[in-house]
């Protein structure tokens, strides 16, 4: 029973603190509501300002999306090119012969450098044997 009496006295002492009085709590809650309302007003003003600015500037969402897609594709191409360069450097370091041009960049009508070299070697051999 002594613990209940002690707990009750402690609770009454805590609740008697001036910052926990009903008027003070109401005042704090009103200040919080006012601050929240002000924040909402600022947020709404920013949204409206952004919408007005976008309309005044003639910004078209579809144009922005198209530009974003183009940037993503360009970024992917750059990553692929960088990976290809790294692979070429690795192969070159291993002393592996690599073509000078990408296969999709080679003119299909013109033989590759390797084919031209092989043809020249065959031609030189035929000249040497007198054929």
Foldseek 3Di string as FASTA:
>chain_A
DVVVVVVVVVVVVVCPPPCNDPVNVVVVVVVVVVVVVVVVVVVVVVVVVVVVVCVVVVPDVVVVVVVVVVVVVVVVVVVVVVVVVVVVVVCVVVVHDDFPDDPVPDDPVDDGPVVVVVVVVVVVVCVVVVD
